[in-house]
């Protein structure tokens, strides 16, 4: 899909301003298009698979869920996607990332209100053959908007 300046600006604003929950009218004002254009563009980006989801950033500790763990796992390459899809459906799992590598190719983020809840989630993941290589306690996660969608790159895709 070829993205134009408006598409790139919308994607940038959605990434940059996600926590503020901009309305279509605010997005329209900041991209210099109409609200209906914003709606149409967002729908087109979703249908094309470019815009996949809107995810809130949650501070699990403040929400009363103090345990946040990253599991580094290995799944057989041919079944990596199947393992990822099964893992995301396990209670307590909030994120699964597939990596291209042969080992340590799934990163599974899980949360739990107690160590017992974390143990149940880990046991469930291991029960369907996911090899858990290591685990780490997550403290914070930072993210940023992709600069390709904002600033000068939003107006000149060749940069």
C-alpha atoms as a PDB file:
ATOM      1  CA  UNK A   1       0.000   0.000   0.000  1.00  0.00           C
ATOM      2  CA  UNK A   2       1.326   3.409  -0.927  1.00  0.00           C
ATOM      3  CA  UNK A   3       0.976   5.902   1.897  1.00  0.00           C
ATOM      4  CA  UNK A   4       0.598   9.581   1.131  1.00  0.00           C
ATOM      5  CA  UNK A   5       1.420  12.542   3.361  1.00  0.00           C
ATOM      6  CA  UNK A   6      -1.978  12.454   5.086  1.00  0.00           C
ATOM      7  CA  UNK A   7      -1.683   8.732   5.857  1.00  0.00           C
ATOM      8  CA  UNK A   8       1.821   9.181   7.289  1.00  0.00           C
ATOM      9  CA  UNK A   9       0.760  12.178   9.402  1.00  0.00           C
ATOM     10  CA  UNK A  10      -2.223  10.253  10.787  1.00  0.00           C
ATOM     11  CA  UNK A  11      -0.062   7.256  11.698  1.00  0.00           C
ATOM     12  CA  UNK A  12       2.494   9.521  13.334  1.00  0.00           C
ATOM     13  CA  UNK A  13      -0.127  11.357  15.395  1.00  0.00           C
ATOM     14  CA  UNK A  14      -1.750   8.095  16.458  1.00  0.00           C
ATOM     15  CA  UNK A  15       1.614   6.824  17.707  1.00  0.00           C
ATOM     16  CA  UNK A  16       2.763  10.083  19.242  1.00  0.00           C
ATOM     17  CA  UNK A  17      -0.512  11.093  20.869  1.00  0.00           C
ATOM     18  CA  UNK A  18      -2.011   7.686  21.741  1.00  0.00           C
ATOM     19  CA  UNK A  19      -2.257   8.432  25.469  1.00  0.00           C
ATOM     20  CA  UNK A  20      -4.242  11.626  24.798  1.00  0.00           C
ATOM     21  CA  UNK A  21      -6.905   9.790  22.770  1.00  0.00           C
ATOM     22  CA  UNK A  22      -7.301  12.353  19.987  1.00  0.00           C
ATOM     23  CA  UNK A  23     -10.742  12.651  18.394  1.00  0.00           C
ATOM     24  CA  UNK A  24     -11.257  12.514  14.627  1.00  0.00           C
ATOM     25  CA  UNK A  25     -11.893  16.267  14.715  1.00  0.00           C
ATOM     26  CA  UNK A  26      -8.567  16.897  16.478  1.00  0.00           C
ATOM     27  CA  UNK A  27      -6.749  14.608  14.040  1.00  0.00           C
ATOM     28  CA  UNK A  28      -8.416  16.461  11.144  1.00  0.00           C
ATOM     29  CA  UNK A  29      -7.326  19.834  12.491  1.00  0.00           C
ATOM     30  CA  UNK A  30      -3.728  18.669  12.984  1.00  0.00           C
ATOM     31  CA  UNK A  31      -3.495  17.081   9.515  1.00  0.00           C
ATOM     32  CA  UNK A  32      -5.345  19.869   7.703  1.00  0.00           C
ATOM     33  CA  UNK A  33      -8.092  17.610   6.312  1.00  0.00           C
ATOM     34  CA  UNK A  34     -11.768  17.082   7.152  1.00  0.00           C
ATOM     35  CA  UNK A  35     -13.028  14.773   9.891  1.00  0.00           C
ATOM     36  CA  UNK A  36     -14.675  12.555   7.256  1.00  0.00           C
ATOM     37  CA  UNK A  37     -11.318  12.251   5.468  1.00  0.00           C
ATOM     38  CA  UNK A  38      -9.729  11.117   8.736  1.00  0.00           C
ATOM     39  CA  UNK A  39     -12.470   8.513   9.214  1.00  0.00           C
ATOM     40  CA  UNK A  40     -12.113   7.268   5.638  1.00  0.00           C
ATOM     41  CA  UNK A  41      -8.327   7.120   5.831  1.00  0.00           C
ATOM     42  CA  UNK A  42      -8.291   5.275   9.151  1.00  0.00           C
ATOM     43  CA  UNK A  43     -10.807   2.754   7.808  1.00  0.00           C
ATOM     44  CA  UNK A  44      -8.708   2.228   4.668  1.00  0.00           C
ATOM     45  CA  UNK A  45      -5.525   1.793   6.745  1.00  0.00           C
ATOM     46  CA  UNK A  46      -7.294  -0.785   8.954  1.00  0.00           C
ATOM     47  CA  UNK A  47      -8.687  -2.686   5.966  1.00  0.00           C
ATOM     48  CA  UNK A  48      -5.227  -2.786   4.362  1.00  0.00           C
ATOM     49  CA  UNK A  49      -3.709  -4.124   7.593  1.00  0.00           C
ATOM     50  CA  UNK A  50      -1.405  -1.117   8.038  1.00  0.00           C
ATOM     51  CA  UNK A  51      -3.223   0.048  11.163  1.00  0.00           C
ATOM     52  CA  UNK A  52      -3.776  -3.088  13.187  1.00  0.00           C
ATOM     53  CA  UNK A  53      -4.845  -2.043  16.629  1.00  0.00           C
ATOM     54  CA  UNK A  54      -5.084   0.727  19.199  1.00  0.00           C
ATOM     55  CA  UNK A  55      -3.405  -0.381  22.424  1.00  0.00           C
ATOM     56  CA  UNK A  56      -3.575   1.578  25.670  1.00  0.00           C
ATOM     57  CA  UNK A  57      -0.430   1.810  27.756  1.00  0.00           C
ATOM     58  CA  UNK A  58      -1.266   0.406  31.171  1.00  0.00           C
ATOM     59  CA  UNK A  59       0.740   0.795  34.341  1.00  0.00           C
ATOM     60  CA  UNK A  60      -0.033  -2.661  35.696  1.00  0.00           C
ATOM     61  CA  UNK A  61       1.538  -1.967  39.084  1.00  0.00           C
ATOM     62  CA  UNK A  62      -0.724   1.042  39.687  1.00  0.00           C
ATOM     63  CA  UNK A  63      -3.644  -1.070  38.453  1.00  0.00           C
ATOM     64  CA  UNK A  64      -2.971  -3.588  41.238  1.00  0.00           C
ATOM     65  CA  UNK A  65      -1.140  -6.182  39.132  1.00  0.00           C
ATOM     66  CA  UNK A  66       2.409  -5.987  40.492  1.00  0.00           C
ATOM     67  CA  UNK A  67       4.066  -8.818  38.555  1.00  0.00           C
ATOM     68  CA  UNK A  68       5.119  -8.163  34.960  1.00  0.00           C
ATOM     69  CA  UNK A  69       7.427 -10.749  33.440  1.00  0.00           C
ATOM     70  CA  UNK A  70       9.132 -11.180  30.074  1.00  0.00           C
ATOM     71  CA  UNK A  71       9.676 -14.794  29.042  1.00  0.00           C
ATOM     72  CA  UNK A  72      12.212 -15.506  26.324  1.00  0.00           C
ATOM     73  CA  UNK A  73      11.042 -18.702  24.662  1.00  0.00           C
ATOM     74  CA  UNK A  74      11.855 -21.004  21.788  1.00  0.00           C
ATOM     75  CA  UNK A  75       9.257 -22.495  19.473  1.00  0.00           C
ATOM     76  CA  UNK A  76       9.967 -24.697  16.454  1.00  0.00           C
ATOM     77  CA  UNK A  77      10.285 -22.388  13.415  1.00  0.00           C
ATOM     78  CA  UNK A  78       7.551 -24.167  11.459  1.00  0.00           C
ATOM     79  CA  UNK A  79       5.163 -23.785  14.404  1.00  0.00           C
ATOM     80  CA  UNK A  80       6.248 -20.388  15.711  1.00  0.00           C
ATOM     81  CA  UNK A  81       3.081 -18.598  14.575  1.00  0.00           C
ATOM     82  CA  UNK A  82       0.851 -21.336  16.020  1.00  0.00           C
ATOM     83  CA  UNK A  83       2.672 -21.147  19.361  1.00  0.00           C
ATOM     84  CA  UNK A  84       2.335 -17.343  19.357  1.00  0.00           C
ATOM     85  CA  UNK A  85      -1.407 -17.568  18.684  1.00  0.00           C
ATOM     86  CA  UNK A  86      -1.854 -20.139  21.447  1.00  0.00           C
ATOM     87  CA  UNK A  87       0.263 -18.125  23.889  1.00  0.00           C
ATOM     88  CA  UNK A  88      -1.694 -14.884  23.442  1.00  0.00           C
ATOM     89  CA  UNK A  89      -4.866 -16.746  24.451  1.00  0.00           C
ATOM     90  CA  UNK A  90      -3.408 -17.865  27.813  1.00  0.00           C
ATOM     91  CA  UNK A  91      -4.772 -15.964  30.822  1.00  0.00           C
ATOM     92  CA  UNK A  92      -2.188 -13.465  32.014  1.00  0.00           C
ATOM     93  CA  UNK A  93      -0.361 -13.113  28.677  1.00  0.00           C
ATOM     94  CA  UNK A  94      -0.591  -9.533  27.379  1.00  0.00           C
ATOM     95  CA  UNK A  95       1.945  -9.459  24.525  1.00  0.00           C
ATOM     96  CA  UNK A  96       3.666 -11.981  22.273  1.00  0.00           C
ATOM     97  CA  UNK A  97       6.418 -11.006  19.846  1.00  0.00           C
ATOM     98  CA  UNK A  98       7.646 -13.338  17.109  1.00  0.00           C
ATOM     99  CA  UNK A  99      11.321 -13.050  16.212  1.00  0.00           C
ATOM    100  CA  UNK A 100      12.949 -14.376  13.057  1.00  0.00           C
ATOM    101  CA  UNK A 101      15.702 -16.251  14.880  1.00  0.00           C
ATOM    102  CA  UNK A 102      15.823 -20.022  15.257  1.00  0.00           C
ATOM    103  CA  UNK A 103      16.063 -19.963  19.035  1.00  0.00           C
ATOM    104  CA  UNK A 104      14.632 -17.545  21.568  1.00  0.00           C
ATOM    105  CA  UNK A 105      12.146 -16.642  18.846  1.00  0.00           C
ATOM    106  CA  UNK A 106       9.101 -15.791  20.990  1.00  0.00           C
ATOM    107  CA  UNK A 107       9.017 -13.104  23.652  1.00  0.00           C
ATOM    108  CA  UNK A 108       5.991 -13.453  25.892  1.00  0.00           C
ATOM    109  CA  UNK A 109       4.993 -10.696  28.299  1.00  0.00           C
ATOM    110  CA  UNK A 110       2.739 -11.759  31.118  1.00  0.00           C
ATOM    111  CA  UNK A 111       1.241 -10.093  34.148  1.00  0.00           C
ATOM    112  CA  UNK A 112      -0.142 -11.454  37.380  1.00  0.00           C
ATOM    113  CA  UNK A 113      -1.560 -10.243  40.660  1.00  0.00           C
ATOM    114  CA  UNK A 114       0.437 -12.888  42.551  1.00  0.00           C
ATOM    115  CA  UNK A 115       3.403 -15.189  42.039  1.00  0.00           C
ATOM    116  CA  UNK A 116       0.912 -18.050  42.017  1.00  0.00           C
ATOM    117  CA  UNK A 117      -0.923 -16.462  39.080  1.00  0.00           C
ATOM    118  CA  UNK A 118       2.392 -15.997  37.243  1.00  0.00           C
ATOM    119  CA  UNK A 119       3.295 -19.647  37.935  1.00  0.00           C
ATOM    120  CA  UNK A 120      -0.048 -20.827  36.499  1.00  0.00           C
ATOM    121  CA  UNK A 121       0.524 -18.818  33.331  1.00  0.00           C
ATOM    122  CA  UNK A 122       4.073 -20.155  32.918  1.00  0.00           C
ATOM    123  CA  UNK A 123       2.888 -23.730  33.524  1.00  0.00           C
ATOM    124  CA  UNK A 124       0.152 -23.330  30.910  1.00  0.00           C
ATOM    125  CA  UNK A 125       2.641 -22.016  28.338  1.00  0.00           C
ATOM    126  CA  UNK A 126       5.038 -24.873  29.040  1.00  0.00           C
ATOM    127  CA  UNK A 127       2.208 -27.435  28.836  1.00  0.00           C
ATOM    128  CA  UNK A 128       1.818 -26.984  25.103  1.00  0.00           C
ATOM    129  CA  UNK A 129       5.522 -27.398  24.415  1.00  0.00           C
ATOM    130  CA  UNK A 130       6.829 -23.847  24.477  1.00  0.00           C
ATOM    131  CA  UNK A 131      10.426 -23.978  25.693  1.00  0.00           C
ATOM    132  CA  UNK A 132      11.038 -21.188  28.209  1.00  0.00           C
ATOM    133  CA  UNK A 133      14.699 -20.172  28.022  1.00  0.00           C
ATOM    134  CA  UNK A 134      14.699 -17.370  30.601  1.00  0.00           C
ATOM    135  CA  UNK A 135      12.516 -14.898  32.406  1.00  0.00           C
ATOM    136  CA  UNK A 136      13.040 -11.306  33.414  1.00  0.00           C
ATOM    137  CA  UNK A 137      11.061  -8.918  35.582  1.00  0.00           C
ATOM    138  CA  UNK A 138       9.965  -5.942  33.504  1.00  0.00           C
ATOM    139  CA  UNK A 139      10.200  -2.564  35.128  1.00  0.00           C
ATOM    140  CA  UNK A 140       9.149  -0.108  32.404  1.00  0.00           C
ATOM    141  CA  UNK A 141       8.692   0.038  28.676  1.00  0.00           C
ATOM    142  CA  UNK A 142       9.266   3.048  26.494  1.00  0.00           C
ATOM    143  CA  UNK A 143       8.079   3.603  22.955  1.00  0.00           C
ATOM    144  CA  UNK A 144       8.229   6.361  20.421  1.00  0.00           C
ATOM    145  CA  UNK A 145       6.432   7.292  17.244  1.00  0.00           C
ATOM    146  CA  UNK A 146       8.155   6.186  14.039  1.00  0.00           C
ATOM    147  CA  UNK A 147       9.820   9.333  12.709  1.00  0.00           C
ATOM    148  CA  UNK A 148       9.282   8.134   9.137  1.00  0.00           C
ATOM    149  CA  UNK A 149       5.627   9.115   9.565  1.00  0.00           C
ATOM    150  CA  UNK A 150       6.281  12.552  11.069  1.00  0.00           C
ATOM    151  CA  UNK A 151       8.270  15.689  10.456  1.00  0.00           C
ATOM    152  CA  UNK A 152      10.113  16.062   7.168  1.00  0.00           C
ATOM    153  CA  UNK A 153       9.605  12.385   6.270  1.00  0.00           C
ATOM    154  CA  UNK A 154       5.837  12.885   6.315  1.00  0.00           C
ATOM    155  CA  UNK A 155       6.120  15.312   3.460  1.00  0.00           C
ATOM    156  CA  UNK A 156       8.962  13.639   1.527  1.00  0.00           C
ATOM    157  CA  UNK A 157       8.888   9.807   1.485  1.00  0.00           C
ATOM    158  CA  UNK A 158      12.316   9.705  -0.199  1.00  0.00           C
ATOM    159  CA  UNK A 159      14.111  10.947   2.950  1.00  0.00           C
END
